[in-house]
Amino acid sequence: MKKGLLMILIGFLLVSLNGCFLIRERLLAPPDEMTIPEGSSQAVCTKGEVTYTFVYQLDGVYLYYIDDNLQGEAGLDHVQEQAFLHDESVLNYLYEEYGESSCVITDYEDSE
């Protein structure tokens, strides 16, 4: 009798702990929608005939456009990596890559 009750208790605990794993994964999942923090900047840089637009804050890049075409995760990851390699600063990366006179930096205003 005690063994049966112990087995039921262990089974119940295992099922309960497995359920906690699913809740934990749901809580730790990244958000569905990215929000750009207040105080972010927008840099519009030109190199030759191509215009590059970056929405960033400190060392984080949130949006990246080439000739008004939003770039995907791969392009964004590349810029983020370059910013990290330039003393963790997007501004340092932009000045190194495009030159100080080739970038116009303004406060970012969400157009939505």
C-alpha atoms as a PDB file:
ATOM      1  CA  MET A   1       0.000   0.000   0.000  1.00  0.00           C
ATOM      2  CA  LYS A   2       2.778   2.435   0.912  1.00  0.00           C
ATOM      3  CA  LYS A   3       4.685   1.623  -2.286  1.00  0.00           C
ATOM      4  CA  GLY A   4       1.606   2.287  -4.411  1.00  0.00           C
ATOM      5  CA  LEU A   5       0.965   5.612  -2.698  1.00  0.00           C
ATOM      6  CA  LEU A   6       4.649   6.564  -3.045  1.00  0.00           C
ATOM      7  CA  MET A   7       4.613   5.707  -6.766  1.00  0.00           C
ATOM      8  CA  ILE A   8       1.460   7.797  -7.315  1.00  0.00           C
ATOM      9  CA  LEU A   9       3.051  10.711  -5.440  1.00  0.00           C
ATOM     10  CA  ILE A  10       6.267  10.480  -7.487  1.00  0.00           C
ATOM     11  CA  GLY A  11       4.255  10.271 -10.715  1.00  0.00           C
ATOM     12  CA  PHE A  12       2.221  13.319  -9.717  1.00  0.00           C
ATOM     13  CA  LEU A  13       5.386  15.287  -8.903  1.00  0.00           C
ATOM     14  CA  LEU A  14       6.990  14.370 -12.229  1.00  0.00           C
ATOM     15  CA  VAL A  15       3.937  15.491 -14.180  1.00  0.00           C
ATOM     16  CA  SER A  16       3.762  18.734 -12.161  1.00  0.00           C
ATOM     17  CA  LEU A  17       7.430  19.530 -12.712  1.00  0.00           C
ATOM     18  CA  ASN A  18       7.090  18.883 -16.427  1.00  0.00           C
ATOM     19  CA  GLY A  19       4.246  21.410 -16.527  1.00  0.00           C
ATOM     20  CA  CYS A  20       6.463  23.985 -14.817  1.00  0.00           C
ATOM     21  CA  PHE A  21       8.972  23.608 -17.652  1.00  0.00           C
ATOM     22  CA  LEU A  22       6.348  24.684 -20.184  1.00  0.00           C
ATOM     23  CA  ILE A  23       5.364  27.695 -18.076  1.00  0.00           C
ATOM     24  CA  ARG A  24       9.024  28.667 -17.656  1.00  0.00           C
ATOM     25  CA  GLU A  25       9.621  28.506 -21.422  1.00  0.00           C
ATOM     26  CA  ARG A  26       6.585  30.680 -22.085  1.00  0.00           C
ATOM     27  CA  LEU A  27       7.750  33.268 -19.546  1.00  0.00           C
ATOM     28  CA  LEU A  28      11.294  33.380 -20.920  1.00  0.00           C
ATOM     29  CA  ALA A  29      10.296  33.521 -24.590  1.00  0.00           C
ATOM     30  CA  PRO A  30      11.250  36.725 -26.434  1.00  0.00           C
ATOM     31  CA  PRO A  31       8.427  39.185 -27.054  1.00  0.00           C
ATOM     32  CA  ASP A  32       6.454  38.927 -30.280  1.00  0.00           C
ATOM     33  CA  GLU A  33       6.874  42.608 -31.016  1.00  0.00           C
ATOM     34  CA  MET A  34      10.018  44.692 -30.648  1.00  0.00           C
ATOM     35  CA  THR A  35       9.684  48.166 -29.190  1.00  0.00           C
ATOM     36  CA  ILE A  36      12.214  50.901 -29.815  1.00  0.00           C
ATOM     37  CA  PRO A  37      13.129  52.646 -26.559  1.00  0.00           C
ATOM     38  CA  GLU A  38      12.554  56.351 -26.056  1.00  0.00           C
ATOM     39  CA  GLY A  39      15.596  58.516 -26.637  1.00  0.00           C
ATOM     40  CA  SER A  40      16.833  56.480 -29.606  1.00  0.00           C
ATOM     41  CA  SER A  41      18.684  58.148 -32.466  1.00  0.00           C
ATOM     42  CA  GLN A  42      18.415  57.819 -36.223  1.00  0.00           C
ATOM     43  CA  ALA A  43      21.483  58.038 -38.413  1.00  0.00           C
ATOM     44  CA  VAL A  44      21.221  58.456 -42.173  1.00  0.00           C
ATOM     45  CA  CYS A  45      24.577  57.766 -43.802  1.00  0.00           C
ATOM     46  CA  THR A  46      25.548  57.811 -47.455  1.00  0.00           C
ATOM     47  CA  LYS A  47      28.315  55.889 -49.137  1.00  0.00           C
ATOM     48  CA  GLY A  48      28.515  56.425 -52.867  1.00  0.00           C
ATOM     49  CA  GLU A  49      24.976  56.227 -54.233  1.00  0.00           C
ATOM     50  CA  VAL A  50      23.621  54.104 -51.373  1.00  0.00           C
ATOM     51  CA  THR A  51      21.804  55.445 -48.294  1.00  0.00           C
ATOM     52  CA  TYR A  52      22.005  53.545 -45.006  1.00  0.00           C
ATOM     53  CA  THR A  53      19.608  54.291 -42.155  1.00  0.00           C
ATOM     54  CA  PHE A  54      20.149  53.069 -38.598  1.00  0.00           C
ATOM     55  CA  VAL A  55      17.849  53.397 -35.592  1.00  0.00           C
ATOM     56  CA  TYR A  56      19.940  52.842 -32.492  1.00  0.00           C
ATOM     57  CA  GLN A  57      20.550  53.685 -28.883  1.00  0.00           C
ATOM     58  CA  LEU A  58      24.032  53.422 -27.351  1.00  0.00           C
ATOM     59  CA  ASP A  59      25.206  49.965 -28.480  1.00  0.00           C
ATOM     60  CA  GLY A  60      21.863  48.542 -29.636  1.00  0.00           C
ATOM     61  CA  VAL A  61      20.646  48.673 -33.244  1.00  0.00           C
ATOM     62  CA  TYR A  62      16.884  48.291 -33.631  1.00  0.00           C
ATOM     63  CA  LEU A  63      16.233  49.001 -37.325  1.00  0.00           C
ATOM     64  CA  TYR A  64      18.579  48.960 -40.308  1.00  0.00           C
ATOM     65  CA  TYR A  65      17.636  50.106 -43.819  1.00  0.00           C
ATOM     66  CA  ILE A  66      19.543  50.133 -47.100  1.00  0.00           C
ATOM     67  CA  ASP A  67      17.931  52.525 -49.591  1.00  0.00           C
ATOM     68  CA  ASP A  68      14.694  52.470 -47.540  1.00  0.00           C
ATOM     69  CA  ASN A  69      14.531  48.651 -47.602  1.00  0.00           C
ATOM     70  CA  LEU A  70      14.329  47.166 -44.111  1.00  0.00           C
ATOM     71  CA  GLN A  71      17.080  44.601 -43.618  1.00  0.00           C
ATOM     72  CA  GLY A  72      16.484  41.273 -41.928  1.00  0.00           C
ATOM     73  CA  GLU A  73      18.026  39.691 -38.865  1.00  0.00           C
ATOM     74  CA  ALA A  74      21.279  38.780 -40.638  1.00  0.00           C
ATOM     75  CA  GLY A  75      22.020  42.392 -41.599  1.00  0.00           C
ATOM     76  CA  LEU A  76      20.985  43.654 -38.187  1.00  0.00           C
ATOM     77  CA  ASP A  77      23.182  41.079 -36.461  1.00  0.00           C
ATOM     78  CA  HIS A  78      26.167  42.136 -38.584  1.00  0.00           C
ATOM     79  CA  VAL A  79      25.753  45.813 -37.662  1.00  0.00           C
ATOM     80  CA  GLN A  80      25.255  44.887 -34.006  1.00  0.00           C
ATOM     81  CA  GLU A  81      28.476  42.864 -34.065  1.00  0.00           C
ATOM     82  CA  GLN A  82      30.386  45.712 -35.684  1.00  0.00           C
ATOM     83  CA  ALA A  83      29.078  48.141 -33.061  1.00  0.00           C
ATOM     84  CA  PHE A  84      30.283  45.792 -30.330  1.00  0.00           C
ATOM     85  CA  LEU A  85      33.717  45.594 -31.935  1.00  0.00           C
ATOM     86  CA  HIS A  86      33.962  49.413 -32.048  1.00  0.00           C
ATOM     87  CA  ASP A  87      34.077  49.895 -28.272  1.00  0.00           C
ATOM     88  CA  GLU A  88      30.424  48.875 -27.905  1.00  0.00           C
ATOM     89  CA  SER A  89      29.212  52.004 -29.677  1.00  0.00           C
ATOM     90  CA  VAL A  90      27.091  52.303 -32.803  1.00  0.00           C
ATOM     91  CA  LEU A  91      28.270  55.887 -33.206  1.00  0.00           C
ATOM     92  CA  ASN A  92      31.932  54.829 -33.273  1.00  0.00           C
ATOM     93  CA  TYR A  93      31.098  52.218 -35.912  1.00  0.00           C
ATOM     94  CA  LEU A  94      29.207  54.729 -38.081  1.00  0.00           C
ATOM     95  CA  TYR A  95      31.993  57.299 -37.950  1.00  0.00           C
ATOM     96  CA  GLU A  96      34.600  54.656 -38.766  1.00  0.00           C
ATOM     97  CA  GLU A  97      32.593  53.081 -41.600  1.00  0.00           C
ATOM     98  CA  TYR A  98      31.035  56.175 -43.219  1.00  0.00           C
ATOM     99  CA  GLY A  99      32.940  59.164 -41.839  1.00  0.00           C
ATOM    100  CA  GLU A 100      31.606  61.913 -39.604  1.00  0.00           C
ATOM    101  CA  SER A 101      30.553  64.138 -42.484  1.00  0.00           C
ATOM    102  CA  SER A 102      28.588  61.388 -44.262  1.00  0.00           C
ATOM    103  CA  CYS A 103      26.070  60.784 -41.449  1.00  0.00           C
ATOM    104  CA  VAL A 104      23.171  62.960 -40.340  1.00  0.00           C
ATOM    105  CA  ILE A 105      22.079  62.017 -36.835  1.00  0.00           C
ATOM    106  CA  THR A 106      18.713  63.075 -35.419  1.00  0.00           C
ATOM    107  CA  ASP A 107      16.365  61.960 -32.642  1.00  0.00           C
ATOM    108  CA  TYR A 108      14.240  59.022 -33.725  1.00  0.00           C
ATOM    109  CA  GLU A 109      10.528  59.722 -33.972  1.00  0.00           C
ATOM    110  CA  ASP A 110       8.252  56.771 -34.525  1.00  0.00           C
ATOM    111  CA  SER A 111       6.131  57.434 -37.619  1.00  0.00           C
ATOM    112  CA  GLU A 112       3.362  54.974 -36.686  1.00  0.00           C
END
